[in-house]
């Protein structure tokens, strides 16, 4: 493999990973926090939040 091609691939992968890591971290940290748990987990219903007072 040509050295300039190897350098290009290395730089391209560096940029792609640098853009992807924050997206993955935000997705896997903020979505479970917003939902109150990981998707698919059983949640216990609390009396104060499960009733709608209208």
N, C-alpha and C. Protein backbone atom coordinates (compact mmCIF):
# COMPACT_ATOMS: atom_id res chain seq x y z
N UNK A 1 0.85 -1.17 0.00
CA UNK A 1 0.00 0.00 0.00
C UNK A 1 0.90 1.24 0.00
N UNK A 2 0.53 2.20 -0.79
CA UNK A 2 1.28 3.43 -0.91
C UNK A 2 1.24 4.18 0.43
N UNK A 3 2.35 4.84 0.77
CA UNK A 3 2.42 5.53 2.06
C UNK A 3 1.46 6.72 2.13
N UNK A 4 1.23 7.39 1.01
CA UNK A 4 0.28 8.51 1.04
C UNK A 4 -1.15 8.00 1.20
N UNK A 5 -1.47 6.84 0.62
CA UNK A 5 -2.78 6.25 0.79
C UNK A 5 -2.97 5.80 2.23
N UNK A 6 -1.94 5.23 2.81
CA UNK A 6 -2.00 4.80 4.22
C UNK A 6 -2.22 6.00 5.13
N UNK A 7 -1.55 7.10 4.86
CA UNK A 7 -1.72 8.32 5.65
C UNK A 7 -3.14 8.87 5.49
N UNK A 8 -3.66 8.85 4.27
CA UNK A 8 -5.02 9.33 4.02
C UNK A 8 -6.05 8.50 4.78
N UNK A 9 -5.91 7.18 4.72
CA UNK A 9 -6.85 6.31 5.43
C UNK A 9 -6.76 6.53 6.93
N UNK A 10 -5.56 6.70 7.44
CA UNK A 10 -5.38 6.95 8.87
C UNK A 10 -6.04 8.25 9.29
N UNK A 11 -5.85 9.31 8.52
CA UNK A 11 -6.47 10.59 8.84
C UNK A 11 -7.98 10.54 8.70
N UNK A 12 -8.47 9.83 7.68
CA UNK A 12 -9.91 9.71 7.49
C UNK A 12 -10.55 8.96 8.66
N UNK A 13 -9.95 7.86 9.07
CA UNK A 13 -10.48 7.10 10.20
C UNK A 13 -10.41 7.91 11.50
N UNK A 14 -9.38 8.72 11.64
CA UNK A 14 -9.27 9.57 12.83
C UNK A 14 -10.40 10.57 12.89
N UNK A 15 -10.73 11.19 11.76
CA UNK A 15 -11.81 12.17 11.72
C UNK A 15 -13.15 11.49 11.95
N UNK A 16 -13.36 10.34 11.34
CA UNK A 16 -14.63 9.63 11.51
C UNK A 16 -14.82 9.22 12.96
N UNK A 17 -13.79 8.69 13.59
CA UNK A 17 -13.90 8.28 14.99
C UNK A 17 -14.07 9.48 15.91
N UNK A 18 -13.40 10.58 15.60
CA UNK A 18 -13.54 11.78 16.42
C UNK A 18 -14.95 12.34 16.34
N UNK A 19 -15.63 12.16 15.23
CA UNK A 19 -17.01 12.62 15.10
C UNK A 19 -17.99 11.61 15.69
N UNK A 20 -17.67 10.35 15.65
CA UNK A 20 -18.59 9.32 16.09
C UNK A 20 -18.59 9.10 17.59
N UNK A 21 -17.46 9.26 18.23
CA UNK A 21 -17.36 9.00 19.67
C UNK A 21 -18.29 9.92 20.48
N UNK A 22 -18.32 11.22 20.26
CA UNK A 22 -19.27 12.05 21.03
C UNK A 22 -20.72 11.69 20.78
N UNK A 23 -21.05 11.33 19.55
CA UNK A 23 -22.44 10.96 19.24
C UNK A 23 -22.82 9.70 20.00
N UNK A 24 -21.95 8.71 20.02
CA UNK A 24 -22.23 7.46 20.72
C UNK A 24 -22.33 7.71 22.23
N UNK A 25 -21.43 8.52 22.77
CA UNK A 25 -21.48 8.80 24.20
C UNK A 25 -22.76 9.53 24.59
N UNK A 26 -23.16 10.51 23.82
CA UNK A 26 -24.38 11.24 24.13
C UNK A 26 -25.59 10.31 24.02
N UNK A 27 -25.62 9.49 23.00
CA UNK A 27 -26.76 8.60 22.81
C UNK A 27 -26.88 7.58 23.95
N UNK A 28 -25.78 6.98 24.35
CA UNK A 28 -25.84 5.93 25.36
C UNK A 28 -25.86 6.47 26.78
N UNK A 29 -25.60 7.75 26.97
CA UNK A 29 -25.69 8.32 28.30
C UNK A 29 -26.95 9.14 28.51
N UNK A 30 -27.38 9.90 27.52
CA UNK A 30 -28.52 10.79 27.73
C UNK A 30 -29.86 10.10 27.53
N UNK A 31 -29.96 9.16 26.61
CA UNK A 31 -31.24 8.49 26.37
C UNK A 31 -31.67 7.66 27.59
N UNK A 32 -30.81 6.83 28.17
CA UNK A 32 -31.25 6.12 29.38
C UNK A 32 -31.54 7.06 30.54
N UNK A 33 -30.82 8.16 30.65
CA UNK A 33 -31.09 9.12 31.72
C UNK A 33 -32.46 9.76 31.53
N UNK A 34 -32.81 10.11 30.31
CA UNK A 34 -34.09 10.72 30.02
C UNK A 34 -35.24 9.73 30.24
N UNK A 35 -35.03 8.49 29.85
CA UNK A 35 -36.07 7.48 30.00
C UNK A 35 -36.17 6.95 31.43
N UNK A 36 -35.20 7.21 32.24
CA UNK A 36 -35.20 6.68 33.60
C UNK A 36 -34.70 5.26 33.69
N UNK A 37 -34.02 4.78 32.69
CA UNK A 37 -33.47 3.43 32.65
C UNK A 37 -33.18 3.05 31.22
N UNK A 38 -32.55 1.92 31.05
CA UNK A 38 -32.24 1.47 29.70
C UNK A 38 -33.50 0.95 29.01
N UNK A 39 -33.62 1.15 27.70
CA UNK A 39 -34.78 0.62 26.99
C UNK A 39 -34.84 -0.91 27.14
N UNK A 40 -36.02 -1.40 27.44
CA UNK A 40 -36.19 -2.83 27.61
C UNK A 40 -36.18 -3.28 29.05
N UNK A 41 -35.73 -2.43 29.96
CA UNK A 41 -35.75 -2.79 31.37
C UNK A 41 -37.15 -2.60 31.94
N UNK A 42 -37.49 -3.42 32.93
CA UNK A 42 -38.76 -3.24 33.62
C UNK A 42 -38.67 -2.02 34.51
N UNK A 43 -39.74 -1.24 34.51
CA UNK A 43 -39.79 -0.06 35.37
C UNK A 43 -40.92 -0.23 36.36
N UNK A 44 -40.69 0.22 37.57
CA UNK A 44 -41.74 0.17 38.57
C UNK A 44 -42.54 1.46 38.48
N UNK A 45 -43.84 1.35 38.46
CA UNK A 45 -44.70 2.52 38.37
C UNK A 45 -44.87 3.12 39.76
N UNK A 46 -44.67 4.41 39.86
CA UNK A 46 -44.88 5.09 41.13
C UNK A 46 -46.25 5.73 41.12
N UNK A 47 -46.86 5.82 42.28
CA UNK A 47 -48.23 6.34 42.37
C UNK A 47 -48.29 7.81 42.03
N UNK A 48 -47.26 8.56 42.34
CA UNK A 48 -47.31 10.00 42.11
C UNK A 48 -47.16 10.35 40.61
N UNK A 49 -46.44 9.53 39.87
CA UNK A 49 -46.23 9.87 38.47
C UNK A 49 -47.14 9.09 37.51
N UNK A 50 -47.81 8.05 38.00
CA UNK A 50 -48.62 7.25 37.09
C UNK A 50 -50.05 7.74 36.97
N UNK A 51 -50.48 8.63 37.86
CA UNK A 51 -51.85 9.14 37.80
C UNK A 51 -51.86 10.53 37.22
N UNK A 52 -52.84 10.80 36.43
CA UNK A 52 -52.99 12.13 35.84
C UNK A 52 -54.16 12.82 36.53
N UNK A 53 -53.89 13.92 37.18
CA UNK A 53 -54.89 14.60 37.99
C UNK A 53 -55.59 15.68 37.17
N UNK A 54 -56.69 15.32 36.52
CA UNK A 54 -57.47 16.32 35.78
C UNK A 54 -58.90 16.32 36.25
